[in-house]
C-alpha cells in the first residue's frame, strides 16, 4: 500500500476541508499550515519508525526460517541414521537368537578348543564381535538421543518462527494505520494549504542546508572507494522508482532498502535496517564524508540516505515519493557511517551522470529542518 504524497495531491484534484476545520479557520494561514506541517512530520516519522521495526522483524524472520529449515534437514538425516542403527540392532538380535540353537556357546567352544592357534583366532573374533555389538548399541542409543534433541529444537524453532510472524503482522498493521492517518490528514487539506505546506517545508530544508554548508562541518573526499563507487552507481540507477514501505527492490524501495541493496550490489553486504546500519557500521565525521557513505537522520536513526558528494544524497524519502537526489540537510542529521572503512579512495573517479529530474519532488523524508516531537 502506498500513501499519497504532498506533491501528488497538489497536482491532482482540489480537496475540500471538512466543515469543522473550515468553520474554525485561524486568522493566520501560515500558522495554521505550520501546525499542519508539524503534525504531518510527526505522522511521517512515526510511520518510518514502525516501518524500520517491521523491517527488523522481517530480517529476524528470514534467519529463523533458515534455522528451521536447517534443523528439519538435520532431523531428517538423524532419522535416516536412526533407521540404519535399528537395522543393525535387528541383525545383532537375530544373530544372538541363532546362537541359542547351538548347544555350545562361542565362549565354551573357545575353552574346549584343542588347537591353541585356532583358539587364539576365535578369541580375537569373539573380541571383535563383542566390539561390534557394543558399537551397534552405542550407535543406536546415540542416534535416538540426537533425533530426540533435534526434534525438540525443531519444535522450539518453529514456535519462535510463528511468534515472529504474528509480531510482524501486528507491525504491518501498525504501519498501515499510520499511513492511513497520513492520507486522511493530506486529504483534509485544501489545494492552497498543500501548496503553502510544500513551500514551508522546502524553505526549512533550504535554510538547514545553507547553515550546514556555512558552518564548515561538511567536507571530505570527492572520491569513493572502488565498491563505494559501485554503490553510488546502483543508487543513481534507482532514481525515479517509488517509495514503498518494506521494499528493497528491484522495482521499489524504502529508505534502508535502497541503501542496503546499493551496498549489496557493490559487494559489501550491510544490515537491512537504518538502526542496524547506524549501530554496526563504523562512524565517520561529516567533514570526512565521501561518496558511498550512509547518512543517518533523527535521534532514533529512523531514516537513511546514501551520500553522493557535493552536499547531496540519494534517498527514498517517504510514501508517495520517489527515489531522488536531495540536499544532505533535508532531514535532521544524526551522523554518518562508512560500510567500506579501511578501503582507499579511488585515484580517479567520474561521478555518474545525474538523470534529468533527479531532484524533483519533496526532499523531506520524515521531517524538515527540525525533528518533530516523539
Protein backbone atom coordinates (compact mmCIF):
# COMPACT_ATOMS: atom_id res chain seq x y z
CA UNK A 1 0.00 0.00 0.00
CA UNK A 2 1.34 3.38 -0.91
CA UNK A 3 0.36 6.69 0.68
CA UNK A 4 -0.37 9.79 -1.38
CA UNK A 5 2.40 12.36 -1.24
CA UNK A 6 2.03 16.10 -0.81
CA UNK A 7 3.31 16.88 -4.30
CA UNK A 8 0.93 14.41 -5.90
CA UNK A 9 -2.03 15.87 -4.09
CA UNK A 10 -1.06 19.39 -5.08
CA UNK A 11 -1.01 18.34 -8.73
CA UNK A 12 -4.31 16.49 -8.54
CA UNK A 13 -7.85 17.34 -7.51
CA UNK A 14 -8.79 20.10 -5.07
CA UNK A 15 -9.68 18.82 -1.63
CA UNK A 16 -12.39 20.48 0.45
CA UNK A 17 -11.91 20.99 4.17
CA UNK A 18 -14.36 19.21 6.45
CA UNK A 19 -16.91 21.61 7.96
CA UNK A 20 -15.40 21.72 11.49
CA UNK A 21 -11.96 22.72 10.18
CA UNK A 22 -13.36 25.31 7.75
CA UNK A 23 -15.53 26.91 10.43
CA UNK A 24 -12.62 27.21 12.83
CA UNK A 25 -10.06 28.58 10.35
CA UNK A 26 -7.35 30.57 12.20
CA UNK A 27 -6.68 34.17 11.31
CA UNK A 28 -3.04 33.43 10.44
CA UNK A 29 -2.88 30.96 7.49
CA UNK A 30 0.90 30.44 7.88
CA UNK A 31 0.45 29.49 11.50
CA UNK A 32 -2.25 27.01 10.51
CA UNK A 33 -0.07 25.42 7.84
CA UNK A 34 2.92 25.31 10.21
CA UNK A 35 0.82 23.36 12.71
CA UNK A 36 -0.34 21.02 9.93
CA UNK A 37 3.25 20.51 8.79
CA UNK A 38 4.37 19.69 12.33
CA UNK A 39 1.56 17.17 12.65
CA UNK A 40 2.34 15.67 9.25
CA UNK A 41 6.04 15.38 10.10
CA UNK A 42 5.17 13.59 13.32
CA UNK A 43 2.96 11.12 11.46
CA UNK A 44 5.62 10.52 8.83
CA UNK A 45 8.34 9.91 11.41
CA UNK A 46 6.21 7.52 13.44
CA UNK A 47 5.40 5.67 10.20
CA UNK A 48 9.12 5.43 9.42
CA UNK A 49 9.85 4.10 12.91
CA UNK A 50 7.15 1.46 12.50
CA UNK A 51 8.47 0.57 9.05
CA UNK A 52 12.03 0.06 10.27
CA UNK A 53 10.73 -2.03 13.19
CA UNK A 54 8.82 -4.15 10.68
CA UNK A 55 11.97 -4.49 8.55
CA UNK A 56 14.00 -5.61 11.58
CA UNK A 57 11.44 -8.30 12.39
CA UNK A 58 11.44 -9.40 8.75
CA UNK A 59 15.22 -9.91 8.95
CA UNK A 60 14.85 -11.97 12.14
CA UNK A 61 12.09 -13.99 10.49
CA UNK A 62 14.30 -14.76 7.47
CA UNK A 63 17.05 -16.04 9.76
CA UNK A 64 14.57 -18.06 11.79
CA UNK A 65 13.10 -19.67 8.66
CA UNK A 66 16.63 -20.66 7.62
CA UNK A 67 17.25 -22.10 11.08
CA UNK A 68 14.02 -24.11 10.99
CA UNK A 69 14.88 -25.43 7.53
CA UNK A 70 18.37 -26.49 8.65
CA UNK A 71 17.04 -28.20 11.78
CA UNK A 72 14.43 -30.08 9.73
CA UNK A 73 17.12 -31.24 7.32
CA UNK A 74 19.33 -32.36 10.22
CA UNK A 75 16.36 -34.13 11.81
CA UNK A 76 15.64 -35.99 8.57
CA UNK A 77 19.29 -37.12 8.39
CA UNK A 78 19.18 -38.19 12.04
CA UNK A 79 16.06 -40.27 11.44
CA UNK A 80 17.71 -42.00 8.49
CA UNK A 81 20.73 -42.74 10.70
CA UNK A 82 18.40 -44.00 13.43
CA UNK A 83 16.69 -46.37 11.00
CA UNK A 84 20.10 -47.69 9.96
CA UNK A 85 21.09 -48.21 13.60
CA UNK A 86 17.84 -50.06 14.25
CA UNK A 87 18.51 -52.33 11.26
CA UNK A 88 21.96 -53.12 12.69
CA UNK A 89 20.43 -53.78 16.11
CA UNK A 90 17.92 -56.11 14.50
CA UNK A 91 20.67 -58.08 12.80
CA UNK A 92 22.52 -58.32 16.10
CA UNK A 93 19.39 -59.64 17.84
CA UNK A 94 18.86 -62.24 15.12
CA UNK A 95 22.49 -63.40 15.40
CA UNK A 96 22.16 -63.75 19.15
CA UNK A 97 18.92 -65.70 18.72
CA UNK A 98 20.55 -68.08 16.26
CA UNK A 99 23.39 -68.59 18.73
CA UNK A 100 20.92 -70.01 21.28
CA UNK A 101 20.23 -73.01 18.99
CA UNK A 102 23.88 -74.10 19.26
CA UNK A 103 24.38 -76.41 22.30
CA UNK A 104 27.81 -74.87 22.91
CA UNK A 105 28.15 -71.13 23.28
CA UNK A 106 31.03 -69.39 21.44
CA UNK A 107 32.77 -68.98 24.79
CA UNK A 108 32.51 -72.73 25.60
CA UNK A 109 33.79 -73.65 22.13
CA UNK A 110 36.74 -71.36 22.77
CA UNK A 111 37.56 -73.03 26.12
CA UNK A 112 37.24 -76.59 24.74
CA UNK A 113 39.31 -75.99 21.64
CA UNK A 114 42.39 -78.22 21.46
CA UNK A 115 44.14 -76.06 18.89
CA UNK A 116 45.92 -73.11 20.50
CA UNK A 117 46.18 -71.16 17.23
CA UNK A 118 42.55 -71.75 16.44
CA UNK A 119 41.62 -70.79 19.99
CA UNK A 120 43.56 -67.57 19.66
CA UNK A 121 41.88 -66.73 16.37
CA UNK A 122 38.49 -67.45 17.89
CA UNK A 123 39.37 -65.23 20.84
CA UNK A 124 40.16 -62.33 18.55
CA UNK A 125 36.96 -62.95 16.61
CA UNK A 126 34.94 -63.02 19.84
CA UNK A 127 36.52 -59.75 20.89
CA UNK A 128 35.73 -58.11 17.54
CA UNK A 129 32.17 -59.42 17.66
CA UNK A 130 31.69 -58.03 21.16
CA UNK A 131 33.10 -54.69 19.99
CA UNK A 132 30.70 -54.61 17.04
CA UNK A 133 27.77 -55.37 19.32
CA UNK A 134 28.79 -52.62 21.72
CA UNK A 135 29.27 -50.16 18.86
CA UNK A 136 25.87 -51.05 17.41
CA UNK A 137 24.15 -50.48 20.74
CA UNK A 138 26.05 -47.22 21.30
CA UNK A 139 25.20 -46.02 17.80
CA UNK A 140 21.53 -46.86 18.27
CA UNK A 141 21.42 -45.06 21.62
CA UNK A 142 23.27 -42.04 20.21
CA UNK A 143 21.02 -41.86 17.14
CA UNK A 144 17.89 -41.98 19.26
CA UNK A 145 19.21 -39.26 21.56
CA UNK A 146 20.27 -37.00 18.65
CA UNK A 147 16.92 -37.45 16.88
CA UNK A 148 15.06 -36.57 20.09
CA UNK A 149 17.19 -33.44 20.67
CA UNK A 150 16.80 -32.27 17.07
CA UNK A 151 13.04 -32.88 17.15
CA UNK A 152 12.79 -30.73 20.29
CA UNK A 153 14.95 -27.97 18.76
CA UNK A 154 12.91 -28.02 15.55
CA UNK A 155 9.67 -27.64 17.51
CA UNK A 156 11.12 -24.74 19.55
CA UNK A 157 12.46 -23.03 16.43
CA UNK A 158 9.10 -23.36 14.70
CA UNK A 159 7.38 -21.83 17.74
CA UNK A 160 9.77 -18.86 17.57
CA UNK A 161 9.08 -18.51 13.84
CA UNK A 162 5.33 -18.47 14.40
CA UNK A 163 5.71 -15.85 17.17
CA UNK A 164 7.83 -13.65 14.89
CA UNK A 165 5.28 -13.99 12.08
CA UNK A 166 2.49 -12.89 14.44
CA UNK A 167 4.60 -9.96 15.66
CA UNK A 168 5.36 -8.94 12.08
CA UNK A 169 1.66 -8.96 11.22
CA UNK A 170 0.95 -6.60 14.12
CA UNK A 171 3.75 -4.30 12.97
CA UNK A 172 2.44 -4.36 9.40
CA UNK A 173 -0.99 -3.36 10.66
CA UNK A 174 0.59 -0.52 12.67
CA UNK A 175 2.36 0.81 9.55
CA UNK A 176 -0.84 0.68 7.54
CA UNK A 177 -2.81 2.52 10.22
CA UNK A 178 -0.21 5.27 10.35
CA UNK A 179 -0.15 5.57 6.58
CA UNK A 180 -3.94 5.84 6.66
CA UNK A 181 -3.60 8.68 9.17
CA UNK A 182 -1.19 10.49 6.83
CA UNK A 183 -3.58 10.08 3.92
CA UNK A 184 -6.53 11.34 5.94
CA UNK A 185 -4.62 14.44 7.03
CA UNK A 186 -3.47 15.20 3.48
CA UNK A 187 -6.97 14.64 2.10
CA UNK A 188 -8.37 17.10 4.65
CA UNK A 189 -6.27 19.98 3.27
CA UNK A 190 -7.20 22.43 0.52
CA UNK A 191 -5.01 22.93 -2.53
CA UNK A 192 -3.85 26.25 -1.08
CA UNK A 193 -2.85 24.64 2.21
CA UNK A 194 -0.95 21.91 0.39
CA UNK A 195 0.97 24.47 -1.64
CA UNK A 196 1.77 26.52 1.47
CA UNK A 197 2.88 23.34 3.23
CA UNK A 198 5.19 22.42 0.38
CA UNK A 199 6.80 25.87 0.34
CA UNK A 200 7.19 25.94 4.11
CA UNK A 201 8.81 22.51 4.08
CA UNK A 202 11.19 23.44 1.28
CA UNK A 203 12.09 26.75 2.95
CA UNK A 204 13.11 24.87 6.09
CA UNK A 205 15.29 22.46 4.08
CA UNK A 206 16.98 25.26 2.16
CA UNK A 207 17.79 27.09 5.38
CA UNK A 208 19.13 23.94 7.07
CA UNK A 209 21.35 23.20 4.06
CA UNK A 210 22.69 26.75 3.99
CA UNK A 211 23.56 26.65 7.70
CA UNK A 212 25.31 23.31 7.33
CA UNK A 213 27.42 24.46 4.38
CA UNK A 214 28.27 27.79 6.05
CA UNK A 215 29.30 26.00 9.26
CA UNK A 216 32.20 24.28 7.53
CA UNK A 217 31.17 20.94 9.06
CA UNK A 218 30.68 19.39 5.64
CA UNK A 219 33.69 18.23 3.67
CA UNK A 220 35.62 15.12 2.81
CA UNK A 221 36.95 13.32 -0.22
CA UNK A 222 35.32 13.71 -3.61
CA UNK A 223 36.31 10.15 -4.49
CA UNK A 224 34.74 6.94 -3.15
CA UNK A 225 36.43 3.59 -2.79
CA UNK A 226 36.05 1.08 -5.62
CA UNK A 227 33.00 -0.59 -4.07
CA UNK A 228 31.68 2.73 -2.77
CA UNK A 229 31.60 3.94 -6.36
CA UNK A 230 29.60 0.86 -7.34
CA UNK A 231 27.09 1.55 -4.55
CA UNK A 232 26.68 5.12 -5.80
CA UNK A 233 26.14 3.96 -9.40
CA UNK A 234 23.49 1.49 -8.26
CA UNK A 235 21.70 4.19 -6.27
CA UNK A 236 21.67 6.52 -9.30
CA UNK A 237 20.08 3.74 -11.37
CA UNK A 238 17.14 3.61 -8.95
CA UNK A 239 16.25 7.31 -9.23
CA UNK A 240 12.58 7.71 -10.07
CA UNK A 241 11.43 4.42 -8.54
CA UNK A 242 8.65 4.68 -5.95
CA UNK A 243 9.00 4.50 -2.20
CA UNK A 244 7.09 1.50 -0.82
CA UNK A 245 7.45 0.63 2.85
CA UNK A 246 9.23 -2.67 3.47
CA UNK A 247 10.52 -2.81 -0.14
CA UNK A 248 14.14 -3.48 -1.09
CA UNK A 249 13.90 -3.53 -4.89
CA UNK A 250 14.14 -4.08 -7.65
CA UNK A 251 11.06 -2.01 -8.54
CA UNK A 252 10.54 -0.01 -5.33
CA UNK A 253 12.37 0.80 -2.11
CA UNK A 254 12.06 2.18 1.36
CA UNK A 255 14.97 4.23 2.75
CA UNK A 256 17.08 1.40 4.18
CA UNK A 257 16.01 -0.97 1.42
CA UNK A 258 17.75 1.37 -1.03
CA UNK A 259 20.98 1.74 0.95
CA UNK A 260 21.28 -1.95 1.83
CA UNK A 261 20.70 -3.01 -1.78
CA UNK A 262 23.14 -0.42 -3.13
CA UNK A 263 25.88 -1.89 -0.97
CA UNK A 264 24.82 -5.49 -1.59
CA UNK A 265 25.13 -4.93 -5.34
CA UNK A 266 28.52 -3.31 -4.76
CA UNK A 267 29.72 -6.45 -2.99
CA UNK A 268 29.66 -5.09 0.55
CA UNK A 269 26.66 -6.54 2.38
CA UNK A 270 25.38 -4.37 5.25
CA UNK A 271 22.44 -4.69 7.69
CA UNK A 272 18.94 -4.20 6.30
CA UNK A 273 17.58 -1.55 8.68
CA UNK A 274 18.72 2.03 9.28
CA UNK A 275 19.05 1.40 13.02
CA UNK A 276 21.34 -1.59 12.49
CA UNK A 277 23.35 0.31 9.87
CA UNK A 278 23.93 3.09 12.40
CA UNK A 279 24.63 0.66 15.22
CA UNK A 280 27.04 -1.73 13.49
CA UNK A 281 28.94 0.26 10.84
CA UNK A 282 31.99 2.46 11.59
CA UNK A 283 31.14 6.13 12.25
CA UNK A 284 32.66 8.87 10.12
CA UNK A 285 32.55 12.65 10.80
CA UNK A 286 30.74 14.88 8.32
CA UNK A 287 33.96 16.67 7.37
CA UNK A 288 35.38 13.33 6.17
CA UNK A 289 32.39 12.20 4.13
CA UNK A 290 32.97 10.58 0.78
CA UNK A 291 30.54 9.17 -1.81
CA UNK A 292 29.07 5.84 -0.71
CA UNK A 293 28.88 6.74 2.99
CA UNK A 294 25.48 6.45 4.66
CA UNK A 295 23.89 9.48 6.30
CA UNK A 296 21.51 8.80 9.21
CA UNK A 297 18.73 11.07 10.44
CA UNK A 298 16.72 11.69 13.63
CA UNK A 299 17.65 10.59 17.14
CA UNK A 300 16.42 7.06 16.53
CA UNK A 301 18.29 6.60 13.21
CA UNK A 302 14.92 6.03 11.56
CA UNK A 303 15.88 7.45 8.16
CA UNK A 304 18.95 6.88 5.99
CA UNK A 305 20.35 8.13 2.67
CA UNK A 306 23.45 7.46 0.55
CA UNK A 307 25.95 10.31 0.18
CA UNK A 308 26.99 11.12 -3.41
CA UNK A 309 29.23 14.16 -2.81
CA UNK A 310 28.84 17.94 -3.03
CA UNK A 311 26.49 18.01 -0.05
CA UNK A 312 23.92 15.77 -1.72
CA UNK A 313 22.43 12.36 -1.07
CA UNK A 314 20.26 9.84 -2.89
CA UNK A 315 17.32 8.68 -0.82
CA UNK A 316 13.89 7.08 -0.87
CA UNK A 317 12.16 9.91 1.02
CA UNK A 318 8.71 8.75 2.13
CA UNK A 319 5.46 7.11 0.98
CA UNK A 320 4.14 8.70 -2.18
CA UNK A 321 7.59 10.00 -3.15
CA UNK A 322 10.28 8.58 -5.42
CA UNK A 323 13.99 7.81 -5.13
CA UNK A 324 15.71 11.14 -5.73
CA UNK A 325 18.72 13.38 -5.22
CA UNK A 326 18.31 15.64 -2.16
CA UNK A 327 20.34 18.10 -0.07
CA UNK A 328 22.09 16.29 2.78
CA UNK A 329 20.28 18.51 5.30
CA UNK A 330 16.80 17.58 4.03
CA UNK A 331 16.23 15.92 7.41
CA UNK A 332 17.72 16.43 10.89
CA UNK A 333 21.20 14.90 10.76
CA UNK A 334 22.24 12.26 13.28
CA UNK A 335 25.58 11.27 11.76
CA UNK A 336 27.23 9.13 9.11
CA UNK A 337 28.72 5.64 8.78
CA UNK A 338 31.11 4.05 6.31
CA UNK A 339 30.46 0.49 5.06
CA UNK A 340 33.88 0.32 3.36
CA UNK A 341 36.06 1.67 6.16
CA UNK A 342 39.70 0.81 5.52
CA UNK A 343 39.43 0.87 1.73
CA UNK A 344 41.34 3.63 -0.02
CA UNK A 345 39.53 6.15 -2.24
CA UNK A 346 39.91 5.83 -5.98
CA UNK A 347 42.62 7.99 -7.57
CA UNK A 348 40.35 8.79 -10.49
CA UNK A 349 36.58 8.96 -10.23
CA UNK A 350 33.95 10.22 -12.61
CA UNK A 351 30.57 10.62 -10.87
CA UNK A 352 27.56 9.07 -12.60
CA UNK A 353 25.52 11.37 -14.78
CA UNK A 354 22.58 12.76 -12.82
CA UNK A 355 19.33 11.77 -14.55
CA UNK A 356 17.01 14.56 -15.66
CA UNK A 357 14.53 15.42 -12.94
CA UNK A 358 16.52 13.57 -10.26
CA UNK A 359 15.96 16.41 -7.80
CA UNK A 360 12.24 16.83 -8.46
CA UNK A 361 9.69 16.26 -5.73
CA UNK A 362 9.78 16.61 -1.98
CA UNK A 363 13.20 16.37 -0.35
CA UNK A 364 11.91 15.76 3.14
CA UNK A 365 11.82 12.21 4.39
CA UNK A 366 10.13 12.23 7.75
CA UNK A 367 10.60 15.79 8.85
CA UNK A 368 12.17 19.06 7.75
CA UNK A 369 14.72 21.23 9.50
CA UNK A 370 13.79 20.09 12.97
CA UNK A 371 12.67 16.71 14.22
CA UNK A 372 9.06 16.54 15.34
CA UNK A 373 8.19 15.51 18.86
CA UNK A 374 8.11 11.77 19.56
